[in-house]
C-alpha atoms as a PDB file:
ATOM      1  CA  UNK A   1      -3.326  -3.940  33.710  1.00  0.00           C
ATOM      2  CA  UNK A   2      -2.235  -1.401  31.024  1.00  0.00           C
ATOM      3  CA  UNK A   3      -0.362   0.624  33.618  1.00  0.00           C
ATOM      4  CA  UNK A   4       1.142  -2.562  35.025  1.00  0.00           C
ATOM      5  CA  UNK A   5       2.487  -3.499  31.552  1.00  0.00           C
ATOM      6  CA  UNK A   6       3.840  -0.046  30.994  1.00  0.00           C
ATOM      7  CA  UNK A   7       5.576  -0.022  34.428  1.00  0.00           C
ATOM      8  CA  UNK A   8       7.155  -3.558  33.681  1.00  0.00           C
ATOM      9  CA  UNK A   9       8.402  -2.236  30.306  1.00  0.00           C
ATOM     10  CA  UNK A  10       9.865   0.867  31.997  1.00  0.00           C
ATOM     11  CA  UNK A  11      11.511  -1.338  34.587  1.00  0.00           C
ATOM     12  CA  UNK A  12      13.247  -3.304  31.815  1.00  0.00           C
ATOM     13  CA  UNK A  13      11.067  -6.367  32.030  1.00  0.00           C
ATOM     14  CA  UNK A  14       9.791  -6.589  28.499  1.00  0.00           C
ATOM     15  CA  UNK A  15       8.923 -10.380  28.611  1.00  0.00           C
ATOM     16  CA  UNK A  16       6.521  -9.785  31.513  1.00  0.00           C
ATOM     17  CA  UNK A  17       5.125  -6.684  29.861  1.00  0.00           C
ATOM     18  CA  UNK A  18       4.577  -8.553  26.583  1.00  0.00           C
ATOM     19  CA  UNK A  19       2.443 -11.140  28.488  1.00  0.00           C
ATOM     20  CA  UNK A  20       0.259  -8.392  29.969  1.00  0.00           C
ATOM     21  CA  UNK A  21      -0.162  -6.585  26.509  1.00  0.00           C
ATOM     22  CA  UNK A  22      -0.927  -9.864  24.629  1.00  0.00           C
ATOM     23  CA  UNK A  23      -3.503 -10.705  27.317  1.00  0.00           C
ATOM     24  CA  UNK A  24      -5.117  -7.224  26.983  1.00  0.00           C
ATOM     25  CA  UNK A  25      -5.373  -7.452  23.269  1.00  0.00           C
ATOM     26  CA  UNK A  26      -7.041 -10.831  23.559  1.00  0.00           C
ATOM     27  CA  UNK A  27      -9.440  -9.623  26.217  1.00  0.00           C
ATOM     28  CA  UNK A  28     -10.061  -6.202  24.752  1.00  0.00           C
ATOM     29  CA  UNK A  29      -9.403  -6.503  20.927  1.00  0.00           C
ATOM     30  CA  UNK A  30     -10.621  -3.020  20.107  1.00  0.00           C
ATOM     31  CA  UNK A  31      -8.473  -1.263  22.738  1.00  0.00           C
ATOM     32  CA  UNK A  32      -6.017   0.774  20.770  1.00  0.00           C
ATOM     33  CA  UNK A  33      -3.583   1.644  23.600  1.00  0.00           C
ATOM     34  CA  UNK A  34      -2.996  -2.054  24.361  1.00  0.00           C
ATOM     35  CA  UNK A  35      -2.237  -2.719  20.580  1.00  0.00           C
ATOM     36  CA  UNK A  36      -0.008   0.303  20.355  1.00  0.00           C
ATOM     37  CA  UNK A  37       2.099  -0.846  23.357  1.00  0.00           C
ATOM     38  CA  UNK A  38       2.314  -4.383  21.953  1.00  0.00           C
ATOM     39  CA  UNK A  39       3.375  -3.174  18.589  1.00  0.00           C
ATOM     40  CA  UNK A  40       6.031  -0.877  19.965  1.00  0.00           C
ATOM     41  CA  UNK A  41       7.277  -3.744  22.277  1.00  0.00           C
ATOM     42  CA  UNK A  42       7.470  -6.291  19.305  1.00  0.00           C
ATOM     43  CA  UNK A  43       9.289  -3.613  17.361  1.00  0.00           C
ATOM     44  CA  UNK A  44      11.772  -2.953  20.151  1.00  0.00           C
ATOM     45  CA  UNK A  45      12.511  -6.673  20.390  1.00  0.00           C
ATOM     46  CA  UNK A  46      13.013  -6.902  16.568  1.00  0.00           C
ATOM     47  CA  UNK A  47       9.946  -9.159  16.067  1.00  0.00           C
ATOM     48  CA  UNK A  48       9.196  -7.498  12.769  1.00  0.00           C
ATOM     49  CA  UNK A  49       6.368  -9.815  11.625  1.00  0.00           C
ATOM     50  CA  UNK A  50       4.493  -9.464  14.970  1.00  0.00           C
ATOM     51  CA  UNK A  51       5.008  -5.756  15.087  1.00  0.00           C
ATOM     52  CA  UNK A  52       3.579  -5.314  11.649  1.00  0.00           C
ATOM     53  CA  UNK A  53       0.587  -7.405  12.441  1.00  0.00           C
ATOM     54  CA  UNK A  54       0.009  -5.386  15.591  1.00  0.00           C
ATOM     55  CA  UNK A  55       0.367  -2.191  13.706  1.00  0.00           C
ATOM     56  CA  UNK A  56      -2.096  -3.396  11.045  1.00  0.00           C
ATOM     57  CA  UNK A  57      -4.636  -4.351  13.763  1.00  0.00           C
ATOM     58  CA  UNK A  58      -4.154  -0.861  15.422  1.00  0.00           C
ATOM     59  CA  UNK A  59      -4.740   0.760  12.049  1.00  0.00           C
ATOM     60  CA  UNK A  60      -7.928  -1.212  11.634  1.00  0.00           C
ATOM     61  CA  UNK A  61      -9.128  -0.034  14.961  1.00  0.00           C
ATOM     62  CA  UNK A  62      -8.344   3.664  14.139  1.00  0.00           C
ATOM     63  CA  UNK A  63      -9.952   3.410  10.702  1.00  0.00           C
ATOM     64  CA  UNK A  64     -13.110   1.947  12.092  1.00  0.00           C
ATOM     65  CA  UNK A  65     -13.266   4.855  14.620  1.00  0.00           C
ATOM     66  CA  UNK A  66     -12.449   7.302  11.798  1.00  0.00           C
ATOM     67  CA  UNK A  67      -9.139   8.390  13.519  1.00  0.00           C
ATOM     68  CA  UNK A  68      -7.421   8.502  10.103  1.00  0.00           C
ATOM     69  CA  UNK A  69      -4.394  10.472  11.195  1.00  0.00           C
ATOM     70  CA  UNK A  70      -3.763   7.753  13.816  1.00  0.00           C
ATOM     71  CA  UNK A  71      -4.305   5.016  11.087  1.00  0.00           C
ATOM     72  CA  UNK A  72      -1.795   6.759   8.854  1.00  0.00           C
ATOM     73  CA  UNK A  73       0.731   6.869  11.686  1.00  0.00           C
ATOM     74  CA  UNK A  74       0.349   3.100  12.338  1.00  0.00           C
ATOM     75  CA  UNK A  75       0.819   2.357   8.656  1.00  0.00           C
ATOM     76  CA  UNK A  76       3.891   4.558   8.430  1.00  0.00           C
ATOM     77  CA  UNK A  77       5.365   2.618  11.516  1.00  0.00           C
ATOM     78  CA  UNK A  78       4.642  -0.743   9.782  1.00  0.00           C
ATOM     79  CA  UNK A  79       6.091   0.418   6.437  1.00  0.00           C
ATOM     80  CA  UNK A  80       9.304   1.486   8.200  1.00  0.00           C
ATOM     81  CA  UNK A  81       9.717  -2.248   9.055  1.00  0.00           C
ATOM     82  CA  UNK A  82       8.473  -3.671   5.680  1.00  0.00           C
ATOM     83  CA  UNK A  83       8.624  -0.861   3.073  1.00  0.00           C
ATOM     84  CA  UNK A  84       7.281  -2.860   0.105  1.00  0.00           C
ATOM     85  CA  UNK A  85       4.352  -4.710   1.581  1.00  0.00           C
ATOM     86  CA  UNK A  86       1.709  -4.285  -0.977  1.00  0.00           C
ATOM     87  CA  UNK A  87      -1.284  -4.684   1.392  1.00  0.00           C
ATOM     88  CA  UNK A  88       0.079  -2.098   3.703  1.00  0.00           C
ATOM     89  CA  UNK A  89       0.747   0.266   0.761  1.00  0.00           C
ATOM     90  CA  UNK A  90      -2.722  -0.200  -0.543  1.00  0.00           C
ATOM     91  CA  UNK A  91      -4.211   0.568   2.854  1.00  0.00           C
ATOM     92  CA  UNK A  92      -1.941   3.597   3.166  1.00  0.00           C
ATOM     93  CA  UNK A  93      -3.160   4.883  -0.248  1.00  0.00           C
ATOM     94  CA  UNK A  94      -6.803   4.456   0.940  1.00  0.00           C
ATOM     95  CA  UNK A  95      -6.129   6.388   4.118  1.00  0.00           C
ATOM     96  CA  UNK A  96      -4.463   9.193   2.205  1.00  0.00           C
ATOM     97  CA  UNK A  97      -7.483   9.303  -0.104  1.00  0.00           C
ATOM     98  CA  UNK A  98      -9.822   9.448   2.943  1.00  0.00           C
ATOM     99  CA  UNK A  99      -7.832  12.247   4.418  1.00  0.00           C
ATOM    100  CA  UNK A 100      -8.118  14.219   1.267  1.00  0.00           C
ATOM    101  CA  UNK A 101      -4.450  13.735   0.176  1.00  0.00           C
ATOM    102  CA  UNK A 102      -5.469  12.624  -3.285  1.00  0.00           C
ATOM    103  CA  UNK A 103      -1.936  12.988  -4.961  1.00  0.00           C
ATOM    104  CA  UNK A 104      -0.309  11.057  -2.142  1.00  0.00           C
ATOM    105  CA  UNK A 105      -3.056   8.347  -2.287  1.00  0.00           C
ATOM    106  CA  UNK A 106      -2.744   7.797  -5.909  1.00  0.00           C
ATOM    107  CA  UNK A 107       1.135   7.665  -5.801  1.00  0.00           C
ATOM    108  CA  UNK A 108       1.012   5.103  -2.958  1.00  0.00           C
ATOM    109  CA  UNK A 109      -1.664   2.977  -4.725  1.00  0.00           C
ATOM    110  CA  UNK A 110       0.450   3.064  -7.965  1.00  0.00           C
ATOM    111  CA  UNK A 111       3.465   1.888  -5.957  1.00  0.00           C
ATOM    112  CA  UNK A 112       1.348  -0.938  -4.344  1.00  0.00           C
ATOM    113  CA  UNK A 113       0.310  -2.015  -7.828  1.00  0.00           C
ATOM    114  CA  UNK A 114       3.864  -2.034  -9.115  1.00  0.00           C
ATOM    115  CA  UNK A 115       5.000  -4.014  -6.020  1.00  0.00           C
ATOM    116  CA  UNK A 116       2.275  -6.570  -6.718  1.00  0.00           C
ATOM    117  CA  UNK A 117       3.330  -6.836 -10.395  1.00  0.00           C
ATOM    118  CA  UNK A 118       6.977  -7.367  -9.279  1.00  0.00           C
ATOM    119  CA  UNK A 119       5.750 -10.058  -6.849  1.00  0.00           C
ATOM    120  CA  UNK A 120       4.085 -11.877  -9.647  1.00  0.00           C
ATOM    121  CA  UNK A 121       0.512 -11.057  -8.352  1.00  0.00           C
ATOM    122  CA  UNK A 122      -0.580  -9.854 -11.744  1.00  0.00           C
ATOM    123  CA  UNK A 123      -4.324 -10.002 -11.249  1.00  0.00           C
ATOM    124  CA  UNK A 124      -4.194  -7.894  -8.142  1.00  0.00           C
ATOM    125  CA  UNK A 125      -1.839  -5.548  -9.895  1.00  0.00           C
ATOM    126  CA  UNK A 126      -4.123  -5.096 -12.834  1.00  0.00           C
ATOM    127  CA  UNK A 127      -7.040  -4.391 -10.499  1.00  0.00           C
ATOM    128  CA  UNK A 128      -5.067  -1.852  -8.654  1.00  0.00           C
ATOM    129  CA  UNK A 129      -3.728  -0.106 -11.838  1.00  0.00           C
ATOM    130  CA  UNK A 130      -7.126   0.241 -13.085  1.00  0.00           C
ATOM    131  CA  UNK A 131      -8.449   1.606  -9.787  1.00  0.00           C
ATOM    132  CA  UNK A 132      -5.594   4.276 -10.013  1.00  0.00           C
ATOM    133  CA  UNK A 133      -6.675   5.219 -13.460  1.00  0.00           C
ATOM    134  CA  UNK A 134     -10.337   5.652 -12.503  1.00  0.00           C
ATOM    135  CA  UNK A 135      -8.962   8.168  -9.984  1.00  0.00           C
ATOM    136  CA  UNK A 136      -6.593   9.750 -12.431  1.00  0.00           C
ATOM    137  CA  UNK A 137      -7.285   8.714 -15.982  1.00  0.00           C
ATOM    138  CA  UNK A 138      -4.402  10.936 -17.216  1.00  0.00           C
ATOM    139  CA  UNK A 139      -1.727   9.113 -15.234  1.00  0.00           C
ATOM    140  CA  UNK A 140       0.304   8.056 -18.304  1.00  0.00           C
ATOM    141  CA  UNK A 141       2.987   6.211 -16.287  1.00  0.00           C
ATOM    142  CA  UNK A 142       0.408   4.014 -14.690  1.00  0.00           C
ATOM    143  CA  UNK A 143      -1.303   3.533 -18.042  1.00  0.00           C
ATOM    144  CA  UNK A 144       1.996   2.321 -19.523  1.00  0.00           C
ATOM    145  CA  UNK A 145       2.554  -0.012 -16.538  1.00  0.00           C
ATOM    146  CA  UNK A 146      -0.935  -1.386 -16.976  1.00  0.00           C
ATOM    147  CA  UNK A 147      -0.354  -1.889 -20.686  1.00  0.00           C
ATOM    148  CA  UNK A 148       2.865  -3.784 -19.913  1.00  0.00           C
ATOM    149  CA  UNK A 149       1.077  -5.965 -17.323  1.00  0.00           C
ATOM    150  CA  UNK A 150      -1.701  -6.741 -19.711  1.00  0.00           C
ATOM    151  CA  UNK A 151       0.840  -7.692 -22.283  1.00  0.00           C
ATOM    152  CA  UNK A 152       2.499 -10.011 -19.780  1.00  0.00           C
ATOM    153  CA  UNK A 153      -0.859 -11.530 -19.019  1.00  0.00           C
ATOM    154  CA  UNK A 154      -1.500 -12.258 -22.702  1.00  0.00           C
ATOM    155  CA  UNK A 155      -4.326  -9.699 -23.065  1.00  0.00           C
ATOM    156  CA  UNK A 156      -2.829  -8.168 -26.253  1.00  0.00           C
ATOM    157  CA  UNK A 157      -5.943  -6.246 -27.161  1.00  0.00           C
ATOM    158  CA  UNK A 158      -6.155  -4.674 -23.767  1.00  0.00           C
ATOM    159  CA  UNK A 159      -2.344  -3.944 -23.874  1.00  0.00           C
ATOM    160  CA  UNK A 160      -2.602  -2.234 -27.353  1.00  0.00           C
ATOM    161  CA  UNK A 161      -5.492  -0.018 -26.140  1.00  0.00           C
ATOM    162  CA  UNK A 162      -3.626   1.056 -23.059  1.00  0.00           C
ATOM    163  CA  UNK A 163      -0.464   1.800 -25.109  1.00  0.00           C
ATOM    164  CA  UNK A 164      -2.558   3.849 -27.597  1.00  0.00           C
ATOM    165  CA  UNK A 165      -4.196   5.839 -24.716  1.00  0.00           C
ATOM    166  CA  UNK A 166      -0.792   6.528 -23.152  1.00  0.00           C
ATOM    167  CA  UNK A 167       0.706   7.534 -26.500  1.00  0.00           C
ATOM    168  CA  UNK A 168      -2.224   9.832 -27.219  1.00  0.00           C
ATOM    169  CA  UNK A 169      -1.951  11.450 -23.825  1.00  0.00           C
ATOM    170  CA  UNK A 170       1.794  12.083 -24.349  1.00  0.00           C
ATOM    171  CA  UNK A 171       1.272  13.496 -27.805  1.00  0.00           C
ATOM    172  CA  UNK A 172      -1.512  15.680 -26.517  1.00  0.00           C
ATOM    173  CA  UNK A 173       0.822  16.981 -23.834  1.00  0.00           C
ATOM    174  CA  UNK A 174       3.578  17.496 -26.447  1.00  0.00           C
ATOM    175  CA  UNK A 175       5.799  14.955 -24.869  1.00  0.00           C
ATOM    176  CA  UNK A 176       7.140  13.496 -28.090  1.00  0.00           C
ATOM    177  CA  UNK A 177       9.775  11.172 -26.555  1.00  0.00           C
ATOM    178  CA  UNK A 178       7.276   9.724 -24.178  1.00  0.00           C
ATOM    179  CA  UNK A 179       4.699   9.377 -26.939  1.00  0.00           C
ATOM    180  CA  UNK A 180       7.266   7.399 -29.073  1.00  0.00           C
ATOM    181  CA  UNK A 181       8.039   5.222 -26.023  1.00  0.00           C
ATOM    182  CA  UNK A 182       4.432   4.522 -25.398  1.00  0.00           C
ATOM    183  CA  UNK A 183       3.617   3.822 -29.092  1.00  0.00           C
ATOM    184  CA  UNK A 184       6.787   1.643 -29.546  1.00  0.00           C
ATOM    185  CA  UNK A 185       5.410  -1.491 -27.979  1.00  0.00           C
ATOM    186  CA  UNK A 186       2.526  -1.386 -30.380  1.00  0.00           C
ATOM    187  CA  UNK A 187       4.670  -2.248 -33.222  1.00  0.00           C
ATOM    188  CA  UNK A 188       5.515  -5.662 -31.581  1.00  0.00           C
ATOM    189  CA  UNK A 189       1.828  -6.381 -30.784  1.00  0.00           C
ATOM    190  CA  UNK A 190      -0.076  -5.184 -33.785  1.00  0.00           C
ATOM    191  CA  UNK A 191       1.267  -6.752 -36.956  1.00  0.00           C
ATOM    192  CA  UNK A 192      -1.187  -4.666 -39.137  1.00  0.00           C
END
């Protein structure tokens, strides 16, 4: 059936191919080739949401089989369609970490946290910022973002502690302007 779907697609009959690939993914939900063809066909037909869902499922299949390079490619294809989808970014960060690409993983997780914060999903953003800081405690930019997010959430004690740590980190690195920027918000939070 997969070959038939591919042939229909090559013959310029994408609607018929779509029916075949959708049926295959229902019948064989762990078959990556069917999901790949389905995702690519949805993409070609500008059905972005369906393409992203198919790429996400394909990524899950590859991750479960420890084919992390293939999982990374699926996520990149999905992120080309929806570049700021926090769930996809978080998954991509996890895949990079699993591939040993620590710096890339941390950067993408931080981007996912920032996206969540911008979307108003403060609790998830806070969790992800804290996760990034467990991986890289010296990431001063993430620490400042965490502090700002805690401040927005009304956790002034937590925000003050994060601003202090960011300021100390900048001062230790002899980044005077950044240290002043980090300590600045403390003046508004701590009246004493």
